[in-house]
Structure formats: C-alpha cells, structure tokens
C-alpha cells in the first residue's frame, strides 16, 4: 500500500517502523530535516522536507494516489487540516492524531464531518491501559478482545505458583478454570507453547481467559488482589488527566504531583475531586510527606524515561503495592524489566499498534480481516482478533483436520457471546470471533493466512 506519514516524532517514527517491516511503500513528511535523516537511515522509506498541511507538499508526496495518510504532528489542528486536504486531493483513507481532551467528546462528529477514517489519541490509550492494569494489580498487563468478553493477561510464575514445573496439557487439572497459556517469555525470548511445554519459575506467561473468570484465576493462582483505593501520579500530563478522571469515576482517590504551578491550577479546575500538589516529584522528602508509603499504587508520568524509571524503583523500594511506568524508548524494555519494572505503558507503541491493525484490515476487505490486535512479549508475538466469514477456508472442518501453520495458535473462539478454548474436534463457524497468536513478522492480515498454503 502507498502510505504517507506526516510528522516524524516519537509516534510517527514508531508507526514508520512497524509499517516498514510489513513492506508498505512509505513517504515521510516533516519540517525537521534531522528527524527525516533518522528515518531514511533506519528504514526503506521516501522522505520529503516540508509542511504536511501544504497542498504543494502533499501533491509532491503523491496524495492523489495514496491509499492512506497518517497525520501525527504535535498539533491536533494541523493533523485535522492535513487530513482534510489529503481527502480533497484523492487520498482514500486518513488517520489523525487528536490529543486535546476538549476534542475527546467530539471525535465521532469530527470523523464524520472531516471525513477521517480513524483518530488516535496516544495519551488516552496509555491512560486506559494503566487503568485497566490497576483494576487487577496482580497482573502485569491486560488486553481485552471481543468487546470485553475475552482477556489476555500477563503474569509471572513465582516460586510458589501452582503452575510451576507442570506441562501445559495438565494445566486444566491444576486450575479447574478454562484458560490457555498462549505465549511464554523466558529470559527475553518468546515462545508460542505446545501442550508439552513446562513452565518454570520466572517465566512471564500470557493467559487467555473469559473476562468473568479473572477474579477466580487470581484466587486459584494464589495471587494477592488487593483492591486499589488510592493512587499517586507523578507528572501532570494529559495522560495524568485522563487516568485521574477514570480513577475518580471508580471512587479511587487520586493525588497528582506536578512542577508547573500553571498546570496545577488547570488540573485543579479540571479535576476538583483530585488532590493536586505543586512540587518536584523527584524529591524523596516530598513523596514521603505526601504519603508514598501509604498509597496503593504509583504511576510515573513525567516527560523523561529516566525520571520515571528512578521514581518507579523508589516507589517499589518503599513498598508501594503496584507501580506503573511510562516509557517512550521501547527498545529498552528488556533492560527495564530486568531492573524489576514490569508494568510499563508506552503511548507511541499503543498508537502504532492501533494504526497497524487498521492498515491490515484495509489490506484485506474481503472478509476475515483483522478486527483487533496487540503485541505481547515485548513485541515478539501478536494477538489478533478476526471475524470468521462465509468465504474463509476450512469453515466447519474439525481443527484436528485443518492445516494450521505450526507457528500459529488459535487461543479462543467466541460464539454467540460465549468463550470456547478450542479442542481438536471444534471447528470455525461463520460469525465466530477468533483470537489468533502469531510470531511478529508474519503480517497476518486475513484469517486464511493462518492456514498452510
């Protein structure tokens, strides 16, 4: 596909990296020649120095024949204007990054009136991810599929875990709840395990389960699931605002520490039920005075990865039960996790994944295309949701007789609102939701791609 990316900052570069890996023809537009040089050195892309909201620049980039334009500059209004101009020139689809909370309630109207195919909000996505994790603090991460019916949760196999040293084909006996381990991360390497795979202490596992079984899963694994009643947020960013609003709505007390007095006053007006502290969140004395040791959760949202890492380590050292860290440099995930930081959110990675899902759905609109997707195991594995349509291969054939690729796992089938952990005698039927686990790099765009050719 011919794709134009306008804006080569953190989010734009992350989108470029993923789409380049999947073989699309990319043209990158940015007003900063230095960031363009970075992209052309790392990826097989065309670059164009200029203003993406300029008609001559868009024409030069080939907007008349482009399949998709993605506008992710730092300014919402520029992104929306760029998409309007691109659509007028003939670009088939447009995606705009829209971050301002004032626009959040108008997104449906904006999409319809401006002809946007999709909007992405990295800060809102990161806040939702953090809130999702805080609902079940025992899990390192949670991903939702099938409109909330299915969850893939990440947890670590501890020294006293009931799963330690047992093969996965005996997991049902040990758990007495319908689950499936769909990915395992061991010493930085990801596996899509078979039934004879034996779990070890220290493994990070991704478990598929029905949303209603999560509390039972926590109990059976002997994990503590202390409910979050209070949360301290360091940094008063847009993510902090979105997250605080979600937490307050769930009757969780929120305290935000922010250096800028003007931002503190703004947050006080936006979040009257939150406690807003004007101060330097890097000062240990201030954190202790504001009750760091007594808070249930700490979320570090400053603009610097280094600060977030140090503050998260300090929070864990002081006994905070749940710590979530915002990170921009996702390539350092393995190092960070070796330091003991396990619940990490990345706004740019979340947005890039959302865009790639849309692009894959565009690439195959004949049925069975991607409905949702996310990355697992530090991006080494993908979880994808498909809708089984009448035209897919091997419909109604038992899975034991279906030539599924050896590197693919069908983790769950959703049929008539119920979850099914598939067995050999089960089959795919029209209308099924299908959760598929795949190694990254296969670029699965259609349900038929999971079968041997």
Protein backbone atom coordinates (compact mmCIF):
# COMPACT_ATOMS: atom_id res chain seq x y z
CA UNK A 1 0.00 0.00 0.00
CA UNK A 2 1.07 3.60 -0.62
CA UNK A 3 1.09 5.37 2.74
CA UNK A 4 2.06 8.93 3.70
CA UNK A 5 3.08 9.67 7.29
CA UNK A 6 3.05 13.36 8.25
CA UNK A 7 5.07 14.02 11.41
CA UNK A 8 8.18 12.04 12.26
CA UNK A 9 8.26 12.43 16.02
CA UNK A 10 8.08 9.56 18.50
CA UNK A 11 4.66 8.32 17.39
CA UNK A 12 5.38 8.84 13.70
CA UNK A 13 8.70 7.00 13.91
CA UNK A 14 7.08 4.07 15.73
CA UNK A 15 4.36 3.84 13.05
CA UNK A 16 7.00 4.05 10.33
CA UNK A 17 8.99 1.22 11.92
CA UNK A 18 6.03 -1.16 12.04
CA UNK A 19 4.63 -0.35 8.59
CA UNK A 20 8.09 -0.54 7.01
CA UNK A 21 8.56 -4.04 8.42
CA UNK A 22 5.33 -5.08 6.72
CA UNK A 23 6.52 -3.97 3.29
CA UNK A 24 4.38 -0.88 2.58
CA UNK A 25 5.56 1.99 0.37
CA UNK A 26 6.07 4.87 2.80
CA UNK A 27 6.63 8.57 2.26
CA UNK A 28 7.51 10.57 5.38
CA UNK A 29 6.85 14.32 5.59
CA UNK A 30 8.31 16.54 8.31
CA UNK A 31 9.51 20.12 8.69
CA UNK A 32 12.61 18.99 10.59
CA UNK A 33 15.32 17.61 8.26
CA UNK A 34 17.22 16.00 11.15
CA UNK A 35 14.42 13.60 12.11
CA UNK A 36 13.88 12.73 8.45
CA UNK A 37 17.52 11.70 8.19
CA UNK A 38 16.98 9.30 11.09
CA UNK A 39 14.07 7.63 9.30
CA UNK A 40 15.82 7.25 5.96
CA UNK A 41 18.90 5.78 7.64
CA UNK A 42 16.89 3.14 9.51
CA UNK A 43 14.07 2.25 7.10
CA UNK A 44 13.37 1.84 3.40
CA UNK A 45 11.25 4.99 3.00
CA UNK A 46 10.99 8.14 0.90
CA UNK A 47 11.35 11.43 2.77
CA UNK A 48 10.04 14.91 1.99
CA UNK A 49 11.05 18.03 3.87
CA UNK A 50 8.14 20.46 4.23
CA UNK A 51 4.81 21.34 5.80
CA UNK A 52 2.40 18.42 5.62
CA UNK A 53 -0.56 20.81 5.66
CA UNK A 54 0.61 22.40 2.40
CA UNK A 55 -1.11 21.40 -0.84
CA UNK A 56 2.08 21.53 -2.95
CA UNK A 57 3.89 19.30 -0.45
CA UNK A 58 1.02 16.81 -0.36
CA UNK A 59 0.90 16.72 -4.16
CA UNK A 60 4.63 16.11 -4.29
CA UNK A 61 4.18 13.23 -1.83
CA UNK A 62 1.59 11.65 -4.10
CA UNK A 63 -1.53 12.25 -2.02
CA UNK A 64 -3.73 11.97 -5.14
CA UNK A 65 -2.97 8.25 -5.39
CA UNK A 66 -2.21 7.41 -1.75
CA UNK A 67 -4.15 4.64 -0.04
CA UNK A 68 -3.68 6.17 3.40
CA UNK A 69 -2.36 9.34 5.04
CA UNK A 70 -1.50 9.34 8.75
CA UNK A 71 -1.10 12.80 10.34
CA UNK A 72 0.69 12.63 13.70
CA UNK A 73 2.31 16.04 14.16
CA UNK A 74 2.33 17.63 17.62
CA UNK A 75 -0.67 19.87 16.77
CA UNK A 76 -4.21 18.47 16.55
CA UNK A 77 -5.45 21.22 14.27
CA UNK A 78 -2.60 20.70 11.78
CA UNK A 79 -3.35 16.96 11.74
CA UNK A 80 -7.02 17.52 11.00
CA UNK A 81 -6.30 20.13 8.32
CA UNK A 82 -3.76 17.81 6.68
CA UNK A 83 -6.33 15.01 6.52
CA UNK A 84 -8.98 17.32 5.01
CA UNK A 85 -6.59 18.45 2.27
CA UNK A 86 -5.43 14.90 1.57
CA UNK A 87 -9.01 13.69 1.19
CA UNK A 88 -9.76 16.53 -1.24
CA UNK A 89 -6.71 15.55 -3.29
CA UNK A 90 -7.90 11.94 -3.51
CA UNK A 91 -6.31 10.01 -0.63
CA UNK A 92 -8.59 7.05 0.13
CA UNK A 93 -8.24 6.95 3.92
CA UNK A 94 -6.91 9.35 6.55
CA UNK A 95 -5.94 8.98 10.22
CA UNK A 96 -5.32 11.94 12.54
CA UNK A 97 -3.75 12.10 15.96
CA UNK A 98 -6.10 14.11 18.19
CA UNK A 99 -4.83 14.58 21.75
CA UNK A 100 -6.65 17.56 23.23
CA UNK A 101 -9.18 16.47 25.90
CA UNK A 102 -11.52 19.21 24.65
CA UNK A 103 -11.92 17.26 21.41
CA UNK A 104 -12.43 13.89 23.11
CA UNK A 105 -16.22 14.19 23.25
CA UNK A 106 -16.39 15.41 19.64
CA UNK A 107 -14.42 12.63 17.96
CA UNK A 108 -17.40 10.95 16.30
CA UNK A 109 -18.58 14.29 14.95
CA UNK A 110 -15.06 15.14 13.75
CA UNK A 111 -14.67 11.81 11.96
CA UNK A 112 -17.97 12.24 10.14
CA UNK A 113 -17.59 15.92 9.25
CA UNK A 114 -13.91 15.85 8.32
CA UNK A 115 -14.00 12.50 6.54
CA UNK A 116 -11.50 10.92 8.93
CA UNK A 117 -11.26 7.16 8.76
CA UNK A 118 -9.87 6.97 12.28
CA UNK A 119 -8.42 9.08 15.09
CA UNK A 120 -5.70 8.06 17.54
CA UNK A 121 -5.05 9.54 20.95
CA UNK A 122 -1.81 8.16 22.43
CA UNK A 123 -2.36 9.75 25.82
CA UNK A 124 -5.91 8.45 26.18
CA UNK A 125 -4.80 4.97 25.09
CA UNK A 126 -1.98 4.98 27.67
CA UNK A 127 -4.33 6.14 30.42
CA UNK A 128 -6.82 3.41 29.55
CA UNK A 129 -4.03 0.83 29.63
CA UNK A 130 -2.89 1.98 33.09
CA UNK A 131 -6.46 2.00 34.40
CA UNK A 132 -7.01 -1.49 33.03
CA UNK A 133 -3.94 -2.76 34.89
CA UNK A 134 -4.96 -1.11 38.16
CA UNK A 135 -8.28 -2.97 38.16
CA UNK A 136 -6.35 -6.23 38.70
CA UNK A 137 -2.98 -5.23 40.24
CA UNK A 138 -1.74 -8.84 40.30
CA UNK A 139 -1.49 -8.84 36.52
CA UNK A 140 1.42 -7.15 34.78
CA UNK A 141 -0.75 -6.32 31.78
CA UNK A 142 -4.26 -6.89 30.45
CA UNK A 143 -5.55 -6.94 26.89
CA UNK A 144 -9.24 -7.08 26.02
CA UNK A 145 -10.81 -8.67 22.95
CA UNK A 146 -14.30 -9.43 21.65
CA UNK A 147 -15.80 -6.27 23.18
CA UNK A 148 -14.64 -7.21 26.66
CA UNK A 149 -15.62 -10.88 26.61
CA UNK A 150 -12.06 -12.23 26.38
CA UNK A 151 -8.91 -11.14 28.19
CA UNK A 152 -5.26 -11.98 27.70
CA UNK A 153 -3.46 -11.29 30.97
CA UNK A 154 0.25 -11.30 31.68
CA UNK A 155 1.68 -12.63 34.94
CA UNK A 156 4.90 -14.07 36.29
CA UNK A 157 5.32 -17.65 37.50
CA UNK A 158 6.56 -17.27 41.08
CA UNK A 159 8.43 -19.75 43.28
CA UNK A 160 5.18 -20.87 44.93
CA UNK A 161 2.97 -20.80 41.83
CA UNK A 162 0.70 -23.77 41.18
CA UNK A 163 1.81 -23.63 37.55
CA UNK A 164 5.49 -24.10 38.25
CA UNK A 165 7.10 -27.23 36.77
CA UNK A 166 3.92 -28.58 35.17
CA UNK A 167 3.34 -29.16 31.43
CA UNK A 168 0.60 -27.05 29.92
CA UNK A 169 -1.52 -30.06 28.96
CA UNK A 170 -2.05 -30.62 32.70
CA UNK A 171 -2.98 -27.01 33.38
CA UNK A 172 -6.73 -27.61 33.33
CA UNK A 173 -6.39 -30.16 36.15
CA UNK A 174 -4.33 -27.73 38.20
CA UNK A 175 -6.57 -24.72 37.56
CA UNK A 176 -10.17 -26.01 37.23
CA UNK A 177 -10.91 -22.91 35.16
CA UNK A 178 -10.94 -22.64 31.37
CA UNK A 179 -7.66 -20.94 30.43
CA UNK A 180 -4.95 -21.28 27.81
CA UNK A 181 -1.32 -20.14 28.04
CA UNK A 182 -0.87 -18.61 24.60
CA UNK A 183 2.63 -17.12 24.94
CA UNK A 184 5.59 -17.50 27.30
CA UNK A 185 8.53 -15.16 27.71
CA UNK A 186 11.65 -16.76 29.19
CA UNK A 187 14.97 -14.92 29.54
CA UNK A 188 13.97 -12.41 26.89
CA UNK A 189 12.83 -14.99 24.31
CA UNK A 190 9.19 -15.57 23.41
CA UNK A 191 7.55 -18.95 22.79
CA UNK A 192 4.13 -19.95 21.49
CA UNK A 193 3.96 -23.12 23.57
CA UNK A 194 2.57 -26.57 22.86
CA UNK A 195 0.95 -28.90 25.36
CA UNK A 196 4.25 -30.43 26.48
CA UNK A 197 5.81 -27.05 27.34
CA UNK A 198 6.81 -26.98 31.04
CA UNK A 199 6.55 -23.68 32.89
CA UNK A 200 9.45 -22.56 35.07
CA UNK A 201 9.88 -20.08 37.88
CA UNK A 202 10.42 -16.61 36.47
CA UNK A 203 8.51 -17.22 33.23
CA UNK A 204 6.20 -14.44 32.13
CA UNK A 205 3.08 -16.01 30.70
CA UNK A 206 0.15 -14.64 28.72
CA UNK A 207 -3.08 -16.42 29.66
CA UNK A 208 -6.34 -16.33 27.70
CA UNK A 209 -9.46 -16.38 29.86
CA UNK A 210 -13.05 -15.17 29.90
CA UNK A 211 -13.36 -11.74 31.49
CA UNK A 212 -15.66 -13.16 34.15
CA UNK A 213 -13.04 -15.70 35.22
CA UNK A 214 -10.27 -13.22 36.09
CA UNK A 215 -11.08 -12.97 39.81
CA UNK A 216 -11.26 -16.76 40.03
CA UNK A 217 -7.98 -17.08 38.16
CA UNK A 218 -6.27 -14.77 40.66
CA UNK A 219 -7.63 -16.82 43.55
CA UNK A 220 -6.60 -20.18 42.08
CA UNK A 221 -3.06 -18.95 41.42
CA UNK A 222 -2.75 -17.70 44.99
CA UNK A 223 -2.09 -14.14 43.83
CA UNK A 224 -2.89 -11.20 46.03
CA UNK A 225 -5.56 -8.98 44.55
CA UNK A 226 -5.71 -6.05 46.92
CA UNK A 227 -8.18 -3.53 45.56
CA UNK A 228 -6.72 -0.16 44.68
CA UNK A 229 -8.21 2.59 46.87
CA UNK A 230 -5.61 5.32 46.32
CA UNK A 231 -3.20 6.27 43.56
CA UNK A 232 -0.33 8.76 43.39
CA UNK A 233 0.53 10.13 39.94
CA UNK A 234 3.82 11.95 39.33
CA UNK A 235 3.57 14.34 36.41
CA UNK A 236 0.50 16.32 35.38
CA UNK A 237 0.43 15.42 31.69
CA UNK A 238 -2.59 14.71 29.53
CA UNK A 239 -2.20 11.04 30.45
CA UNK A 240 -2.43 12.02 34.13
CA UNK A 241 -5.64 13.93 33.45
CA UNK A 242 -7.28 11.09 31.55
CA UNK A 243 -6.18 8.48 34.11
CA UNK A 244 -7.24 10.57 37.09
CA UNK A 245 -10.70 11.10 35.58
CA UNK A 246 -11.12 7.32 35.13
CA UNK A 247 -9.92 6.56 38.67
CA UNK A 248 -12.10 9.21 40.29
CA UNK A 249 -15.12 7.85 38.43
CA UNK A 250 -14.35 4.48 40.08
CA UNK A 251 -14.19 6.15 43.51
CA UNK A 252 -10.41 5.81 43.81
CA UNK A 253 -8.68 8.74 45.49
CA UNK A 254 -6.08 10.47 43.32
CA UNK A 255 -3.10 12.66 44.16
CA UNK A 256 -1.12 14.33 41.35
CA UNK A 257 2.30 15.91 41.89
CA UNK A 258 3.25 18.46 39.22
CA UNK A 259 6.10 21.01 38.99
CA UNK A 260 4.30 23.65 36.93
CA UNK A 261 2.09 25.90 39.01
CA UNK A 262 0.02 26.91 35.98
CA UNK A 263 -0.63 23.25 35.13
CA UNK A 264 -1.58 22.57 38.78
CA UNK A 265 -4.19 25.30 38.64
CA UNK A 266 -5.51 23.93 35.35
CA UNK A 267 -5.74 20.40 36.78
CA UNK A 268 -7.47 21.71 39.91
CA UNK A 269 -10.20 23.18 37.74
CA UNK A 270 -10.49 20.06 35.57
CA UNK A 271 -10.34 17.57 38.46
CA UNK A 272 -11.94 19.18 41.54
CA UNK A 273 -12.08 15.86 43.42
CA UNK A 274 -8.37 15.13 42.99
CA UNK A 275 -5.60 16.40 45.27
CA UNK A 276 -3.14 18.45 43.20
CA UNK A 277 0.30 19.08 44.73
CA UNK A 278 2.61 21.77 43.34
CA UNK A 279 6.11 20.39 43.81
CA UNK A 280 9.04 18.44 42.43
CA UNK A 281 8.12 14.75 42.22
CA UNK A 282 11.81 13.84 42.19
CA UNK A 283 12.22 14.90 45.83
CA UNK A 284 12.03 11.89 48.13
CA UNK A 285 11.05 14.01 51.11
CA UNK A 286 8.05 15.44 49.27
CA UNK A 287 6.92 11.98 48.15
CA UNK A 288 7.12 10.62 51.70
CA UNK A 289 5.33 13.65 53.13
CA UNK A 290 2.53 13.17 50.61
CA UNK A 291 2.05 9.54 51.65
CA UNK A 292 4.02 7.46 49.15
CA UNK A 293 4.34 4.57 51.62
CA UNK A 294 0.60 4.57 52.28
CA UNK A 295 -0.63 4.76 48.68
CA UNK A 296 -1.85 1.60 46.93
CA UNK A 297 -0.48 2.50 43.51
CA UNK A 298 2.12 4.76 41.93
CA UNK A 299 2.07 5.83 38.26
CA UNK A 300 5.09 7.77 36.96
CA UNK A 301 4.17 10.02 34.03
CA UNK A 302 6.91 12.63 33.76
CA UNK A 303 8.26 13.57 30.35
CA UNK A 304 11.58 11.77 30.91
CA UNK A 305 12.03 7.99 30.85
CA UNK A 306 14.98 8.18 33.26
CA UNK A 307 12.92 10.00 35.89
CA UNK A 308 10.04 7.58 35.53
CA UNK A 309 12.36 4.59 35.96
CA UNK A 310 14.10 6.01 39.06
CA UNK A 311 10.81 7.07 40.66
CA UNK A 312 9.25 3.65 39.97
CA UNK A 313 12.23 1.87 41.53
CA UNK A 314 12.00 4.13 44.56
CA UNK A 315 8.27 3.51 44.88
CA UNK A 316 8.83 -0.25 44.81
CA UNK A 317 11.62 0.13 47.37
CA UNK A 318 9.25 1.97 49.69
CA UNK A 319 6.68 -0.82 49.46
CA UNK A 320 4.09 0.55 47.03
CA UNK A 321 1.97 -2.45 46.01
CA UNK A 322 1.53 -1.55 42.32
CA UNK A 323 3.83 0.60 40.19
CA UNK A 324 3.23 1.56 36.55
CA UNK A 325 5.90 3.29 34.47
CA UNK A 326 5.53 5.31 31.28
CA UNK A 327 8.33 4.67 28.81
CA UNK A 328 8.99 6.18 25.37
CA UNK A 329 12.14 4.24 24.39
CA UNK A 330 10.51 0.82 23.99
CA UNK A 331 13.73 -0.78 22.76
CA UNK A 332 14.94 -0.69 26.36
CA UNK A 333 12.05 -2.83 27.67
CA UNK A 334 14.18 -5.93 28.41
CA UNK A 335 16.71 -3.92 30.42
CA UNK A 336 13.99 -2.12 32.33
CA UNK A 337 12.23 -5.34 33.23
CA UNK A 338 15.49 -6.87 34.45
CA UNK A 339 15.57 -3.97 36.92
CA UNK A 340 12.23 -5.13 38.36
CA UNK A 341 9.95 -2.72 36.49
CA UNK A 342 7.27 -4.90 34.92
CA UNK A 343 4.09 -2.88 34.32
CA UNK A 344 5.04 -0.48 31.54
CA UNK A 345 2.91 1.69 29.25
CA UNK A 346 4.06 3.33 26.02
CA UNK A 347 1.75 5.85 24.30
CA UNK A 348 3.57 5.68 20.98
CA UNK A 349 3.60 1.86 20.89
CA UNK A 350 -0.12 1.67 21.66
CA UNK A 351 -0.94 4.14 18.88
CA UNK A 352 1.32 2.42 16.37
CA UNK A 353 -0.35 -0.93 17.06
CA UNK A 354 -3.78 0.63 16.57
CA UNK A 355 -2.73 2.09 13.21
CA UNK A 356 -1.18 -1.18 12.03
CA UNK A 357 -4.41 -3.02 12.87
CA UNK A 358 -6.35 -0.58 10.70
CA UNK A 359 -3.85 -0.90 7.85
CA UNK A 360 -4.08 -4.70 7.92
CA UNK A 361 -7.87 -4.51 7.84
CA UNK A 362 -7.61 -2.18 4.82
CA UNK A 363 -5.26 -4.58 3.08
CA UNK A 364 -7.93 -7.28 3.00
CA UNK A 365 -11.55 -6.19 2.98
CA UNK A 366 -12.96 -9.41 1.53
CA UNK A 367 -13.79 -10.95 4.89
CA UNK A 368 -11.93 -12.43 7.83
CA UNK A 369 -9.77 -9.31 8.21
CA UNK A 370 -8.24 -8.08 11.47
CA UNK A 371 -10.73 -6.69 13.99
CA UNK A 372 -8.26 -6.00 16.80
CA UNK A 373 -4.60 -6.65 17.54
CA UNK A 374 -1.98 -6.11 20.20
CA UNK A 375 1.63 -7.05 20.83
CA UNK A 376 2.72 -9.46 23.57
CA UNK A 377 6.10 -10.48 25.00
CA UNK A 378 7.86 -7.18 24.28
CA UNK A 379 6.53 -7.12 20.74
CA UNK A 380 7.81 -10.58 19.78
CA UNK A 381 4.30 -12.02 19.50
CA UNK A 382 0.99 -10.65 18.20
CA UNK A 383 -2.52 -11.43 19.36
CA UNK A 384 -5.11 -10.80 16.63
CA UNK A 385 -8.88 -10.96 16.59
CA UNK A 386 -10.72 -11.97 13.41
CA UNK A 387 -14.35 -12.42 12.41
CA UNK A 388 -14.91 -15.71 10.59
CA UNK A 389 -16.92 -15.01 7.43
CA UNK A 390 -18.57 -17.36 4.97
CA UNK A 391 -15.73 -17.11 2.45
CA UNK A 392 -12.83 -18.28 4.64
CA UNK A 393 -11.12 -21.61 4.04
CA UNK A 394 -11.84 -24.74 6.11
CA UNK A 395 -15.11 -23.46 7.58
CA UNK A 396 -16.91 -26.10 9.67
CA UNK A 397 -13.98 -28.52 9.45
CA UNK A 398 -12.58 -30.00 12.73
CA UNK A 399 -9.41 -28.20 13.76
CA UNK A 400 -7.62 -31.54 14.03
CA UNK A 401 -8.14 -31.91 10.25
CA UNK A 402 -7.33 -28.28 9.41
CA UNK A 403 -3.80 -27.43 8.15
CA UNK A 404 -2.99 -24.66 10.62
CA UNK A 405 0.54 -23.30 10.37
CA UNK A 406 2.89 -24.72 13.01
CA UNK A 407 3.82 -21.26 14.30
CA UNK A 408 0.17 -20.24 14.82
CA UNK A 409 -2.08 -20.85 17.83
CA UNK A 410 -5.86 -20.40 17.95
CA UNK A 411 -6.26 -19.20 21.53
CA UNK A 412 -10.02 -18.68 21.75
CA UNK A 413 -13.24 -18.86 19.75
CA UNK A 414 -16.15 -16.56 20.65
CA UNK A 415 -19.52 -17.96 19.59
CA UNK A 416 -22.90 -16.46 20.50
CA UNK A 417 -21.31 -14.44 23.31
CA UNK A 418 -19.58 -17.44 24.89
CA UNK A 419 -15.88 -18.28 25.01
CA UNK A 420 -14.51 -21.58 23.78
CA UNK A 421 -10.96 -22.78 24.40
CA UNK A 422 -10.64 -24.82 21.20
CA UNK A 423 -10.01 -28.55 21.08
CA UNK A 424 -9.27 -30.78 18.09
CA UNK A 425 -12.93 -31.62 17.44
CA UNK A 426 -14.02 -27.95 17.44
CA UNK A 427 -14.36 -26.04 14.17
CA UNK A 428 -14.56 -22.46 12.92
CA UNK A 429 -18.08 -21.39 12.05
CA UNK A 430 -19.47 -18.35 10.29
CA UNK A 431 -19.80 -15.44 12.71
CA UNK A 432 -17.19 -16.72 15.17
CA UNK A 433 -14.75 -14.35 16.75
CA UNK A 434 -11.30 -15.95 16.57
CA UNK A 435 -8.29 -14.96 18.70
CA UNK A 436 -5.03 -15.96 16.99
CA UNK A 437 -1.48 -15.85 18.40
CA UNK A 438 1.30 -15.33 15.87
CA UNK A 439 5.03 -14.51 15.89
CA UNK A 440 5.66 -10.92 14.88
CA UNK A 441 6.79 -10.56 11.30
CA UNK A 442 4.26 -12.84 9.64
CA UNK A 443 1.98 -9.85 8.94
CA UNK A 444 -1.25 -11.85 9.23
CA UNK A 445 -3.94 -9.72 7.55
CA UNK A 446 -6.66 -12.31 6.96
CA UNK A 447 -7.91 -15.40 8.75
CA UNK A 448 -6.91 -17.50 5.74
CA UNK A 449 -3.27 -16.52 6.40
CA UNK A 450 -3.15 -18.83 9.43
CA UNK A 451 -3.51 -21.93 7.23
CA UNK A 452 -0.77 -23.77 5.39
CA UNK A 453 -0.72 -22.81 1.72
